[in-house]
Amino acid sequence: MFIADMRLEKLRQVDLNLLITFAVIAEEKSVTAAASRLLLSQPAVSRALQRARVMFGDDLLVRAPGGFELTLRGREILRELDRMLPVVEKLVLPTTFDPRRERSIFRLAGPDNVCTVLLPRLCRSYSAAHFQVGFEFLPWQADAIENLERGKLDLILHIDDGLLPAHFRSEPLYREEWVCVVARPSRFGKSLSLKQYLDAEHLVVGTLPSVQTIPDKQMEALGKKRRSFVRVPYFGVALRCLPGTELVLTLTSGMKYLVEADRSLRLVKAPSELRSFHFLMVWHPRQNSDPRHTWLRQAIHQAARTSN
């Protein structure tokens, strides 16, 4: 048992307020000054001191020409309170996390398109030597939600598909539109109709095996199916495969900057039937009020705002 029964009965009789009152009187050496500091009446402070004396079986403080002075037992108790009260304060008062002083490694997971948007900003903001934080991004896998449940991940980055466990906490980060990418000299114009999109051969990015991509789900809802030439797990790899082909890659808009910086590729407007979605950050409720995790969520939010 964590607390023995006899100790538990004794501890239940302890009034923490009496300890605080005693410590303030000892510091001020005056009941009147202590009452002013504690925002209590002088009689209330006197009564509290008397109860503390009964609790400890000692006078604790005795009158002297310069004000109250500690008894030997009072000095011993005050020394212990000097050590104990900061610990109690840390337990009951809200704390903060300082990434410049406290070393911490955060474990996250998300598909590579959202990581491509957020990670560059995180690196620019927190890789400086005066920060003590680190980020470990794990490959996106089917067990990401289970790993978050079991505490193996601090946060996951997920789409707003309504498939998350109901008890998880989540917040939207930013909205993604769909764009298409092709090789610069390809035959495609500046935009694709739904028919042109369906007639094309597609380079498909599927982050999880045997799981439909968002564009495929949206096409299926229309009773349509696009033609998949090759499927790869990463958008970065897919972009390198496009030059020299007539393939079409459907890309989230947060990655457009990679296309705009590559002269071998160009953007094409996607069919209007491809609907936008939100990326969410998702965490377990047990971490909701943790200062370390609160800081992490703020950092991810800031990265999302800066990147969009």
Protein backbone atom coordinates (compact mmCIF):
# COMPACT_ATOMS: atom_id res chain seq x y z
CA MET A 1 0.00 0.00 0.00
CA PHE A 2 1.35 3.45 -0.97
CA ILE A 3 0.44 5.05 2.38
CA ALA A 4 0.15 2.88 5.48
CA ASP A 5 -3.21 3.10 7.28
CA MET A 6 -1.79 4.64 10.47
CA ARG A 7 0.16 7.24 8.51
CA LEU A 8 -2.90 7.96 6.38
CA GLU A 9 -5.03 8.66 9.48
CA LYS A 10 -2.38 11.04 10.81
CA LEU A 11 -1.95 12.83 7.49
CA ARG A 12 -5.70 13.40 7.20
CA GLN A 13 -5.46 15.55 10.34
CA VAL A 14 -2.84 17.84 8.79
CA ASP A 15 -4.06 21.24 7.62
CA LEU A 16 -1.64 22.57 5.01
CA ASN A 17 -2.87 26.11 5.66
CA LEU A 18 -1.50 25.90 9.20
CA LEU A 19 1.96 25.11 7.84
CA ILE A 20 1.84 28.09 5.49
CA THR A 21 0.60 30.40 8.26
CA PHE A 22 3.36 29.24 10.57
CA ALA A 23 6.01 29.79 7.88
CA VAL A 24 4.79 33.34 7.19
CA ILE A 25 4.68 34.28 10.89
CA ALA A 26 8.20 32.89 11.29
CA GLU A 27 9.38 35.00 8.36
CA GLU A 28 7.60 38.20 9.44
CA LYS A 29 8.15 37.67 13.20
CA SER A 30 4.78 39.32 13.69
CA VAL A 31 1.17 38.10 13.70
CA THR A 32 -0.01 41.51 12.46
CA ALA A 33 2.41 41.56 9.51
CA ALA A 34 1.62 37.93 8.68
CA ALA A 35 -2.13 38.67 8.71
CA SER A 36 -1.63 41.51 6.24
CA ARG A 37 0.43 39.32 3.92
CA LEU A 38 -2.00 36.40 4.13
CA LEU A 39 -5.04 38.70 3.65
CA LEU A 40 -6.52 37.39 6.91
CA SER A 41 -7.61 39.04 10.15
CA GLN A 42 -5.16 39.14 13.06
CA PRO A 43 -7.42 36.94 15.27
CA ALA A 44 -7.66 34.34 12.47
CA VAL A 45 -3.87 34.16 12.22
CA SER A 46 -3.53 33.90 15.99
CA ARG A 47 -6.02 31.03 16.04
CA ALA A 48 -4.14 29.28 13.22
CA LEU A 49 -0.88 29.58 15.14
CA GLN A 50 -2.53 28.08 18.22
CA ARG A 51 -3.84 25.14 16.17
CA ALA A 52 -0.38 24.60 14.68
CA ARG A 53 1.08 24.48 18.20
CA VAL A 54 -1.44 21.82 19.14
CA MET A 55 -0.77 19.81 15.99
CA PHE A 56 3.00 19.76 16.57
CA GLY A 57 2.87 19.64 20.39
CA ASP A 58 5.31 22.57 20.58
CA ASP A 59 5.14 26.36 21.03
CA LEU A 60 6.91 26.75 17.64
CA LEU A 61 7.23 30.54 18.14
CA VAL A 62 7.84 32.45 21.37
CA ARG A 63 7.73 36.18 22.00
CA ALA A 64 11.04 38.05 22.19
CA PRO A 65 12.03 41.76 22.20
CA GLY A 66 12.44 41.76 18.42
CA GLY A 67 9.23 39.83 17.71
CA PHE A 68 8.53 36.12 17.53
CA GLU A 69 11.47 33.72 17.62
CA LEU A 70 11.48 30.05 16.65
CA THR A 71 11.80 27.27 19.18
CA LEU A 72 14.25 24.49 18.38
CA ARG A 73 11.37 22.35 17.13
CA GLY A 74 10.08 25.33 15.15
CA ARG A 75 13.45 25.75 13.43
CA GLU A 76 13.47 22.07 12.47
CA ILE A 77 9.96 22.30 11.03
CA LEU A 78 10.75 25.49 9.12
CA ARG A 79 13.83 23.87 7.55
CA GLU A 80 11.65 20.99 6.35
CA LEU A 81 9.01 23.41 5.05
CA ASP A 82 11.66 25.30 3.08
CA ARG A 83 12.35 22.03 1.27
CA MET A 84 8.79 20.72 1.10
CA LEU A 85 6.66 23.73 0.11
CA PRO A 86 8.32 24.26 -3.31
CA VAL A 87 7.61 20.60 -4.08
CA VAL A 88 3.96 20.99 -3.06
CA GLU A 89 3.74 24.21 -5.08
CA LYS A 90 5.02 22.39 -8.15
CA LEU A 91 2.35 19.71 -7.68
CA VAL A 92 -0.64 22.03 -7.33
CA LEU A 93 0.22 25.08 -9.43
CA PRO A 94 0.31 25.20 -13.24
CA THR A 95 3.82 24.76 -14.57
CA THR A 96 5.41 25.73 -17.84
CA PHE A 97 7.85 24.05 -20.18
CA ASP A 98 10.94 25.99 -21.22
CA PRO A 99 12.46 24.51 -24.42
CA ARG A 100 15.64 26.50 -23.83
CA ARG A 101 16.34 24.81 -20.49
CA GLU A 102 14.54 21.47 -20.47
CA ARG A 103 15.73 18.67 -22.71
CA SER A 104 12.88 16.83 -24.42
CA ILE A 105 12.45 14.64 -27.51
CA PHE A 106 9.00 14.61 -29.11
CA ARG A 107 7.87 11.59 -31.13
CA LEU A 108 5.43 12.31 -33.94
CA ALA A 109 4.09 10.57 -37.04
CA GLY A 110 2.37 11.76 -40.19
CA PRO A 111 2.30 11.26 -43.97
CA ASP A 112 5.19 12.80 -45.87
CA ASN A 113 3.10 15.58 -47.46
CA VAL A 114 2.20 17.14 -44.09
CA CYS A 115 5.76 16.54 -42.83
CA THR A 116 7.10 18.35 -45.90
CA VAL A 117 5.01 21.36 -44.95
CA LEU A 118 5.74 21.47 -41.21
CA LEU A 119 9.25 20.09 -40.71
CA PRO A 120 11.22 22.81 -42.53
CA ARG A 121 9.67 25.43 -40.29
CA LEU A 122 10.32 23.41 -37.14
CA CYS A 123 13.95 22.99 -38.16
CA ARG A 124 14.40 26.69 -38.83
CA SER A 125 12.74 27.64 -35.54
CA TYR A 126 14.18 25.15 -33.05
CA SER A 127 17.45 23.71 -34.38
CA ALA A 128 19.50 26.55 -32.85
CA ALA A 129 21.88 25.58 -30.07
CA HIS A 130 19.95 27.45 -27.36
CA PHE A 131 16.95 25.12 -27.76
CA GLN A 132 17.00 21.79 -25.94
CA VAL A 133 14.13 20.13 -27.84
CA GLY A 134 14.28 17.52 -30.59
CA PHE A 135 11.71 15.99 -32.94
CA GLU A 136 11.62 12.37 -34.04
CA PHE A 137 9.22 11.82 -36.93
CA LEU A 138 8.38 8.19 -37.48
CA PRO A 139 7.19 6.67 -40.79
CA TRP A 140 3.42 6.76 -41.20
CA GLN A 141 2.05 3.28 -40.50
CA ALA A 142 -1.30 1.64 -39.91
CA ASP A 143 -0.58 1.32 -36.19
CA ALA A 144 -0.02 5.05 -35.62
CA ILE A 145 -3.32 5.44 -33.76
CA GLU A 146 -2.53 2.42 -31.59
CA ASN A 147 0.93 3.79 -30.82
CA LEU A 148 -0.62 7.11 -29.78
CA GLU A 149 -3.03 5.24 -27.51
CA ARG A 150 -0.15 3.30 -25.92
CA GLY A 151 2.01 6.38 -25.37
CA LYS A 152 4.63 5.51 -27.96
CA LEU A 153 3.85 8.73 -29.85
CA ASP A 154 3.24 12.25 -28.53
CA LEU A 155 1.26 13.46 -31.53
CA ILE A 156 0.04 12.32 -34.94
CA LEU A 157 -0.85 14.39 -38.00
CA HIS A 158 -4.03 13.01 -39.52
CA ILE A 159 -6.65 13.91 -42.11
CA ASP A 160 -10.17 14.91 -41.05
CA ASP A 161 -11.80 11.70 -42.25
CA GLY A 162 -13.87 11.13 -39.11
CA LEU A 163 -12.18 7.80 -38.36
CA LEU A 164 -10.31 8.80 -35.20
CA PRO A 165 -11.27 7.29 -31.81
CA ALA A 166 -13.89 9.48 -30.15
CA HIS A 167 -11.84 10.06 -26.99
CA PHE A 168 -8.83 11.51 -28.83
CA ARG A 169 -8.31 15.28 -28.87
CA SER A 170 -7.66 17.05 -32.16
CA GLU A 171 -7.33 20.51 -33.67
CA PRO A 172 -7.25 21.55 -37.34
CA LEU A 173 -3.88 22.82 -38.56
CA TYR A 174 -4.51 23.96 -42.11
CA ARG A 175 -6.60 23.25 -45.18
CA GLU A 176 -5.23 21.36 -48.17
CA GLU A 177 -6.43 21.74 -51.74
CA TRP A 178 -5.60 19.31 -54.54
CA VAL A 179 -3.40 20.22 -57.51
CA CYS A 180 -2.01 18.11 -60.32
CA VAL A 181 1.62 17.95 -61.40
CA VAL A 182 2.97 16.88 -64.77
CA ALA A 183 6.26 16.97 -66.65
CA ARG A 184 6.73 20.41 -68.17
CA PRO A 185 6.66 19.29 -71.84
CA SER A 186 3.71 16.92 -71.38
CA ARG A 187 0.57 17.23 -73.51
CA PHE A 188 -1.68 18.46 -70.71
CA GLY A 189 -3.00 22.01 -70.61
CA LYS A 190 -3.37 24.36 -67.66
CA SER A 191 -6.29 22.48 -66.15
CA LEU A 192 -7.84 19.02 -66.24
CA SER A 193 -11.51 18.24 -66.64
CA LEU A 194 -12.85 15.19 -64.86
CA LYS A 195 -12.83 13.25 -68.14
CA GLN A 196 -9.21 14.20 -68.88
CA TYR A 197 -8.27 13.28 -65.33
CA LEU A 198 -9.87 9.85 -65.61
CA ASP A 199 -8.37 9.18 -69.05
CA ALA A 200 -4.82 9.94 -67.85
CA GLU A 201 -2.33 7.46 -66.42
CA HIS A 202 -1.67 8.33 -62.79
CA LEU A 203 1.30 8.18 -60.49
CA VAL A 204 -0.44 7.39 -57.20
CA VAL A 205 0.93 8.06 -53.73
CA GLY A 206 -0.47 5.63 -51.19
CA THR A 207 0.96 6.02 -47.70
CA LEU A 208 -0.54 2.76 -46.39
CA PRO A 209 -0.72 -0.54 -48.32
CA SER A 210 -4.22 -1.63 -49.36
CA VAL A 211 -5.75 1.64 -48.12
CA GLN A 212 -7.53 3.90 -50.60
CA THR A 213 -6.08 7.34 -51.13
CA ILE A 214 -8.28 10.41 -50.65
CA PRO A 215 -8.55 11.12 -54.43
CA ASP A 216 -9.53 7.48 -55.06
CA LYS A 217 -12.19 7.64 -52.34
CA GLN A 218 -13.58 10.82 -53.83
CA MET A 219 -13.64 9.32 -57.32
CA GLU A 220 -15.34 6.19 -55.98
CA ALA A 221 -18.04 8.36 -54.41
CA LEU A 222 -18.76 9.59 -57.96
CA GLY A 223 -18.78 6.06 -59.30
CA LYS A 224 -15.47 6.68 -61.08
CA LYS A 225 -11.98 5.20 -60.94
CA ARG A 226 -8.69 6.68 -62.09
CA ARG A 227 -6.07 4.65 -63.93
CA SER A 228 -3.07 3.88 -61.77
CA PHE A 229 0.22 3.22 -63.56
CA VAL A 230 2.46 2.97 -60.48
CA ARG A 231 1.96 3.43 -56.74
CA VAL A 232 4.67 4.76 -54.42
CA PRO A 233 4.62 5.56 -50.69
CA TYR A 234 6.13 9.06 -50.78
CA PHE A 235 5.26 12.28 -52.59
CA GLY A 236 8.92 13.27 -52.80
CA VAL A 237 9.72 10.08 -54.72
CA ALA A 238 6.70 10.58 -56.98
CA LEU A 239 7.85 14.06 -58.00
CA ARG A 240 11.20 12.62 -59.13
CA CYS A 241 9.38 10.05 -61.31
CA LEU A 242 7.40 12.54 -63.42
CA PRO A 243 10.02 14.06 -65.76
CA GLY A 244 10.07 12.34 -69.16
CA THR A 245 6.59 10.84 -68.73
CA GLU A 246 2.94 11.68 -69.46
CA LEU A 247 1.91 10.67 -65.96
CA VAL A 248 -0.26 12.81 -63.68
CA LEU A 249 0.45 13.18 -59.97
CA THR A 250 -2.28 14.46 -57.67
CA LEU A 251 -0.54 16.53 -55.00
CA THR A 252 -1.61 18.38 -51.86
CA SER A 253 -1.27 22.14 -52.26
CA GLY A 254 1.15 22.50 -49.34
CA MET A 255 3.83 20.89 -51.51
CA LYS A 256 3.41 23.26 -54.46
CA TYR A 257 6.60 25.09 -53.60
CA LEU A 258 8.62 21.99 -54.52
CA VAL A 259 7.07 21.96 -57.99
CA GLU A 260 7.52 25.70 -58.50
CA ALA A 261 11.23 25.30 -57.72
CA ASP A 262 11.66 22.49 -60.29
CA ARG A 263 11.88 23.60 -63.92
CA SER A 264 11.19 20.09 -65.18
CA LEU A 265 7.69 20.12 -63.68
CA ARG A 266 4.59 22.30 -63.81
CA LEU A 267 1.31 22.62 -61.96
CA VAL A 268 -2.05 21.86 -63.55
CA LYS A 269 -5.40 22.77 -62.04
CA ALA A 270 -7.13 19.67 -60.67
CA PRO A 271 -10.75 18.78 -61.45
CA SER A 272 -13.21 20.60 -59.21
CA GLU A 273 -14.60 17.23 -58.11
CA LEU A 274 -11.51 16.73 -55.94
CA ARG A 275 -12.53 18.29 -52.63
CA SER A 276 -10.24 19.89 -50.08
CA PHE A 277 -9.64 18.56 -46.55
CA HIS A 278 -7.95 19.54 -43.30
CA PHE A 279 -4.89 18.15 -41.62
CA LEU A 280 -5.34 17.74 -37.88
CA MET A 281 -2.94 17.32 -35.02
CA VAL A 282 -4.20 14.55 -32.77
CA TRP A 283 -3.19 13.61 -29.22
CA HIS A 284 -4.33 11.46 -26.32
CA PRO A 285 -6.40 13.28 -23.63
CA ARG A 286 -3.99 12.19 -20.89
CA GLN A 287 -1.53 14.75 -22.32
CA ASN A 288 -4.00 17.59 -22.66
CA SER A 289 -2.78 19.67 -19.71
CA ASP A 290 0.86 18.56 -19.71
CA PRO A 291 3.06 21.69 -20.08
CA ARG A 292 5.52 19.85 -22.30
CA HIS A 293 2.77 18.73 -24.64
CA THR A 294 1.05 22.13 -24.56
CA TRP A 295 4.29 23.67 -25.82
CA LEU A 296 4.53 21.03 -28.57
CA ARG A 297 1.02 21.80 -29.83
CA GLN A 298 1.77 25.51 -29.85
CA ALA A 299 4.96 24.88 -31.82
CA ILE A 300 3.12 22.77 -34.41
CA HIS A 301 0.38 25.40 -34.71
CA GLN A 302 3.00 28.11 -35.26
CA ALA A 303 4.70 26.01 -37.95
CA ALA A 304 1.37 25.50 -39.71
CA ARG A 305 0.54 29.22 -39.64
CA THR A 306 3.95 30.19 -40.96
CA SER A 307 3.90 27.61 -43.74
CA ASN A 308 0.51 28.60 -45.14
